[in-house]
């Protein structure tokens, strides 16, 4: 039976369909190459992440926040002051009861107050903290009182240093020393407490985070300049030695009984 021209497939249309359905050799090779390159790159990334050792000396991201902030720096310095006040209290008690004590301990304690507290710690407050409160008009009355107490403390320290240099103080001189030690401790305990609970927390509200961080760096630079590397730790060691000389270093002896 002769083939019906209407039912015979159109060869041109058939070839066009085959071409559209099947990719050309060039397209096939091109697409295959892309897939192989992607697989190879993925394999390389996985292998590198598993085999590559951590970069030596690079700290993990979580440890970036270990630097001491300005507030923390000033408050831990208050801790040093509190321990020296305890030394003053112990010496004052011995003077009142005529109990001997190593005279060099008082000389060294007063020198630490002058060198670390007044010439360093208080200078930081006076140069960087107090002026910013005055500029913004916040806590101005408190800052004024704190500054007055700094000045009063320096006068008391000078008197304590003079008394401590006496080889054999008489009764009147002992009474004067006891009075100076008592006045110093009585003033500085509320002084540092007010700074820790009012002034320093409020400081965050008057400076930007960037300025706050930059002050931390300035404080650290000043500490290294005056006391060398690890200056704070060295000062703490000095205080510890003085406490041990008086027999008041062990914390357990201050535990309340009864």
Protein backbone atom coordinates (compact mmCIF):
# COMPACT_ATOMS: atom_id res chain seq x y z
CA UNK A 1 0.00 0.00 0.00
CA UNK A 2 1.46 3.29 -0.96
CA UNK A 3 2.50 5.48 1.96
CA UNK A 4 0.06 8.26 2.72
CA UNK A 5 1.80 11.50 2.33
CA UNK A 6 -0.25 12.96 5.24
CA UNK A 7 0.80 10.22 7.71
CA UNK A 8 4.48 10.09 6.77
CA UNK A 9 6.64 11.89 9.36
CA UNK A 10 8.08 15.11 8.17
CA UNK A 11 11.81 14.44 8.21
CA UNK A 12 12.70 18.09 8.66
CA UNK A 13 10.41 18.49 11.70
CA UNK A 14 11.67 15.24 13.22
CA UNK A 15 15.29 16.31 12.95
CA UNK A 16 14.46 19.71 14.46
CA UNK A 17 12.81 18.00 17.47
CA UNK A 18 15.78 15.77 18.04
CA UNK A 19 18.13 18.72 17.95
CA UNK A 20 16.01 20.65 20.47
CA UNK A 21 15.71 17.68 22.83
CA UNK A 22 19.34 16.56 22.81
CA UNK A 23 22.06 19.03 23.67
CA UNK A 24 24.88 19.49 21.28
CA UNK A 25 28.22 17.94 22.07
CA UNK A 26 29.70 21.34 22.88
CA UNK A 27 26.86 22.21 25.28
CA UNK A 28 27.09 18.81 26.94
CA UNK A 29 30.81 19.12 27.48
CA UNK A 30 30.39 22.68 28.73
CA UNK A 31 27.70 21.78 31.26
CA UNK A 32 29.56 18.68 32.36
CA UNK A 33 32.70 20.73 32.91
CA UNK A 34 30.85 23.20 35.13
CA UNK A 35 29.45 20.40 37.30
CA UNK A 36 32.85 18.75 37.65
CA UNK A 37 34.50 22.06 38.56
CA UNK A 38 31.84 22.76 41.19
CA UNK A 39 32.27 19.31 42.71
CA UNK A 40 36.04 19.71 42.78
CA UNK A 41 35.79 23.11 44.47
CA UNK A 42 33.42 21.74 47.11
CA UNK A 43 35.70 18.80 47.76
CA UNK A 44 38.68 21.15 48.12
CA UNK A 45 36.83 23.41 50.58
CA UNK A 46 35.80 20.46 52.75
CA UNK A 47 39.29 19.01 52.74
CA UNK A 48 40.83 22.38 53.64
CA UNK A 49 38.41 22.95 56.50
CA UNK A 50 39.21 19.51 57.92
CA UNK A 51 42.96 19.47 57.37
CA UNK A 52 44.07 23.11 57.70
CA UNK A 53 45.55 23.81 61.15
CA UNK A 54 44.47 26.95 63.09
CA UNK A 55 46.57 30.03 62.46
CA UNK A 56 49.22 30.17 65.16
CA UNK A 57 48.95 33.12 67.51
CA UNK A 58 45.42 34.07 66.46
CA UNK A 59 43.07 34.34 69.41
CA UNK A 60 39.51 33.03 69.09
CA UNK A 61 36.88 35.67 68.50
CA UNK A 62 35.31 35.01 71.91
CA UNK A 63 38.43 36.23 73.72
CA UNK A 64 38.39 39.71 72.28
CA UNK A 65 36.41 41.07 75.24
CA UNK A 66 39.03 40.27 77.87
CA UNK A 67 40.51 43.77 77.96
CA UNK A 68 39.87 45.71 81.17
CA UNK A 69 37.32 48.50 80.75
CA UNK A 70 37.87 51.96 82.32
CA UNK A 71 35.21 51.35 84.98
CA UNK A 72 36.61 47.96 85.93
CA UNK A 73 40.12 49.38 85.96
CA UNK A 74 39.20 52.15 88.40
CA UNK A 75 37.15 49.84 90.61
CA UNK A 76 39.90 47.24 90.99
CA UNK A 77 42.24 50.07 91.95
CA UNK A 78 39.72 50.88 94.66
CA UNK A 79 40.28 47.32 95.83
CA UNK A 80 43.96 48.15 96.36
CA UNK A 81 42.93 51.27 98.29
CA UNK A 82 40.59 49.21 100.49
CA UNK A 83 43.41 46.82 101.39
CA UNK A 84 45.70 49.70 102.33
CA UNK A 85 42.91 51.14 104.50
CA UNK A 86 42.89 47.82 106.35
CA UNK A 87 46.63 48.24 106.93
CA UNK A 88 46.01 51.74 108.27
CA UNK A 89 43.28 50.38 110.58
CA UNK A 90 45.57 47.68 111.95
CA UNK A 91 48.42 50.11 112.63
CA UNK A 92 46.03 52.57 114.27
CA UNK A 93 44.73 49.81 116.55
CA UNK A 94 48.30 48.88 117.54
CA UNK A 95 49.16 52.48 118.30
CA UNK A 96 46.12 52.81 120.56
CA UNK A 97 47.02 49.60 122.42
CA UNK A 98 50.78 50.25 122.45
CA UNK A 99 51.44 47.14 120.37
CA UNK A 100 54.59 47.23 118.28
CA UNK A 101 54.47 47.08 114.50
CA UNK A 102 57.14 47.25 111.77
CA UNK A 103 57.48 51.02 111.16
CA UNK A 104 58.55 50.46 107.56
CA UNK A 105 55.10 49.04 106.83
CA UNK A 106 53.44 52.38 107.50
CA UNK A 107 56.10 54.20 105.48
CA UNK A 108 55.58 51.87 102.53
CA UNK A 109 51.78 51.98 102.79
CA UNK A 110 51.74 55.80 102.77
CA UNK A 111 54.15 55.81 99.82
CA UNK A 112 51.82 53.47 97.92
CA UNK A 113 48.88 55.76 98.62
CA UNK A 114 50.81 58.68 97.23
CA UNK A 115 52.30 56.86 94.23
CA UNK A 116 49.43 54.61 93.15
CA UNK A 117 46.23 56.15 94.52
CA UNK A 118 46.86 59.90 94.45
CA UNK A 119 49.41 60.39 91.65
CA UNK A 120 47.91 57.76 89.33
CA UNK A 121 44.36 56.65 90.14
CA UNK A 122 43.02 60.01 91.24
CA UNK A 123 44.82 61.77 88.41
CA UNK A 124 42.97 59.56 85.93
CA UNK A 125 39.69 60.58 87.51
CA UNK A 126 40.63 64.26 87.56
CA UNK A 127 41.93 64.30 83.98
CA UNK A 128 39.43 62.02 82.22
CA UNK A 129 36.34 61.35 84.37
CA UNK A 130 35.47 64.49 86.33
CA UNK A 131 35.81 66.96 83.39
CA UNK A 132 33.34 64.97 81.27
CA UNK A 133 30.70 65.14 83.99
CA UNK A 134 31.29 68.87 84.41
CA UNK A 135 31.04 69.39 80.65
CA UNK A 136 27.68 67.60 80.44
CA UNK A 137 26.37 69.16 83.66
CA UNK A 138 25.70 65.78 85.29
CA UNK A 139 26.52 64.89 88.93
CA UNK A 140 28.40 68.17 89.21
CA UNK A 141 27.85 68.50 92.96
CA UNK A 142 29.12 64.96 93.56
CA UNK A 143 32.19 65.57 91.42
CA UNK A 144 32.93 68.75 93.36
CA UNK A 145 32.87 66.88 96.69
CA UNK A 146 34.98 64.02 95.34
CA UNK A 147 37.61 66.49 94.13
CA UNK A 148 37.66 68.22 97.51
CA UNK A 149 38.21 64.85 99.17
CA UNK A 150 41.12 64.12 96.85
CA UNK A 151 42.76 67.32 97.99
CA UNK A 152 42.04 66.59 101.65
CA UNK A 153 43.45 63.08 101.24
CA UNK A 154 46.73 64.42 99.89
CA UNK A 155 47.10 66.70 102.89
CA UNK A 156 46.46 63.79 105.23
CA UNK A 157 48.94 61.59 103.35
CA UNK A 158 51.63 64.22 103.74
CA UNK A 159 51.03 64.32 107.50
CA UNK A 160 51.03 60.53 107.76
CA UNK A 161 54.32 60.37 105.87
CA UNK A 162 55.83 62.94 108.24
CA UNK A 163 54.67 61.01 111.31
CA UNK A 164 55.91 57.70 109.90
CA UNK A 165 59.40 59.15 109.46
CA UNK A 166 59.76 59.88 113.17
CA UNK A 167 62.18 57.42 114.80
CA UNK A 168 60.44 57.44 118.18
CA UNK A 169 57.14 59.37 118.20
CA UNK A 170 56.00 60.66 121.58
CA UNK A 171 52.47 60.41 122.94
CA UNK A 172 51.28 63.60 121.25
CA UNK A 173 52.73 62.52 117.90
CA UNK A 174 51.15 59.08 118.22
CA UNK A 175 47.80 60.71 118.90
CA UNK A 176 48.22 62.90 115.82
CA UNK A 177 49.08 59.87 113.67
CA UNK A 178 46.08 57.92 114.97
CA UNK A 179 43.84 60.85 114.13
CA UNK A 180 45.20 61.16 110.59
CA UNK A 181 44.86 57.45 109.89
CA UNK A 182 41.29 57.47 111.18
CA UNK A 183 40.29 60.54 109.18
CA UNK A 184 41.77 59.08 106.01
CA UNK A 185 39.94 55.75 106.35
CA UNK A 186 36.66 57.37 107.38
CA UNK A 187 36.69 59.64 104.32
CA UNK A 188 37.85 57.19 101.67
CA UNK A 189 35.50 54.30 102.40
CA UNK A 190 32.36 56.26 101.48
CA UNK A 191 34.34 58.11 98.80
CA UNK A 192 35.21 55.02 96.81
CA UNK A 193 31.78 53.46 97.43
CA UNK A 194 30.02 56.50 95.98
CA UNK A 195 32.24 56.42 92.92
CA UNK A 196 31.70 52.69 92.41
CA UNK A 197 27.91 52.80 92.76
CA UNK A 198 27.01 56.22 91.32
CA UNK A 199 29.76 57.94 89.34
CA UNK A 200 31.29 55.09 87.36
CA UNK A 201 27.96 53.50 86.31
CA UNK A 202 26.73 56.92 85.13
CA UNK A 203 29.88 57.43 83.08
CA UNK A 204 28.52 55.11 80.37
CA UNK A 205 25.68 57.54 79.68
CA UNK A 206 27.90 60.55 78.91
CA UNK A 207 30.46 59.00 76.53
CA UNK A 208 30.14 56.95 73.37
CA UNK A 209 31.20 53.28 73.32
CA UNK A 210 34.15 54.22 71.10
CA UNK A 211 35.33 56.92 73.51
CA UNK A 212 34.83 54.57 76.46
CA UNK A 213 37.06 51.94 74.85
CA UNK A 214 39.72 54.49 73.93
CA UNK A 215 39.90 55.62 77.56
CA UNK A 216 40.60 52.03 78.56
CA UNK A 217 43.62 52.06 76.26
CA UNK A 218 44.80 55.39 77.67
CA UNK A 219 44.51 54.11 81.23
CA UNK A 220 46.53 51.02 80.33
CA UNK A 221 49.21 53.10 78.62
CA UNK A 222 49.50 55.35 81.67
CA UNK A 223 49.74 52.35 84.00
CA UNK A 224 52.54 50.83 81.90
CA UNK A 225 54.33 54.17 81.78
CA UNK A 226 54.34 54.60 85.57
CA UNK A 227 54.58 51.03 86.83
CA UNK A 228 55.84 48.96 83.91
CA UNK A 229 54.20 45.94 82.33
CA UNK A 230 51.72 44.20 84.64
CA UNK A 231 51.91 47.24 86.89
CA UNK A 232 48.67 46.53 88.71
CA UNK A 233 49.76 43.02 89.60
CA UNK A 234 53.06 44.38 90.95
CA UNK A 235 51.23 46.84 93.19
CA UNK A 236 48.99 44.06 94.50
CA UNK A 237 52.12 42.06 95.36
CA UNK A 238 53.46 45.05 97.32
CA UNK A 239 50.23 45.30 99.29
CA UNK A 240 50.28 41.55 99.94
CA UNK A 241 53.80 41.79 101.38
CA UNK A 242 52.70 44.57 103.75
CA UNK A 243 49.68 42.57 104.89
CA UNK A 244 51.87 39.56 105.60
CA UNK A 245 54.25 41.73 107.63
CA UNK A 246 51.34 42.68 109.90
CA UNK A 247 49.86 39.18 109.94
CA UNK A 248 46.58 40.27 108.31
CA UNK A 249 46.92 38.62 104.92
CA UNK A 250 44.91 35.44 105.55
CA UNK A 251 41.30 36.18 104.69
CA UNK A 252 39.95 33.42 106.94
CA UNK A 253 40.92 35.35 110.07
CA UNK A 254 38.20 37.91 109.28
CA UNK A 255 35.43 35.31 109.16
CA UNK A 256 32.73 36.11 111.72
CA UNK A 257 32.34 33.52 114.45
CA UNK A 258 29.42 32.78 116.69
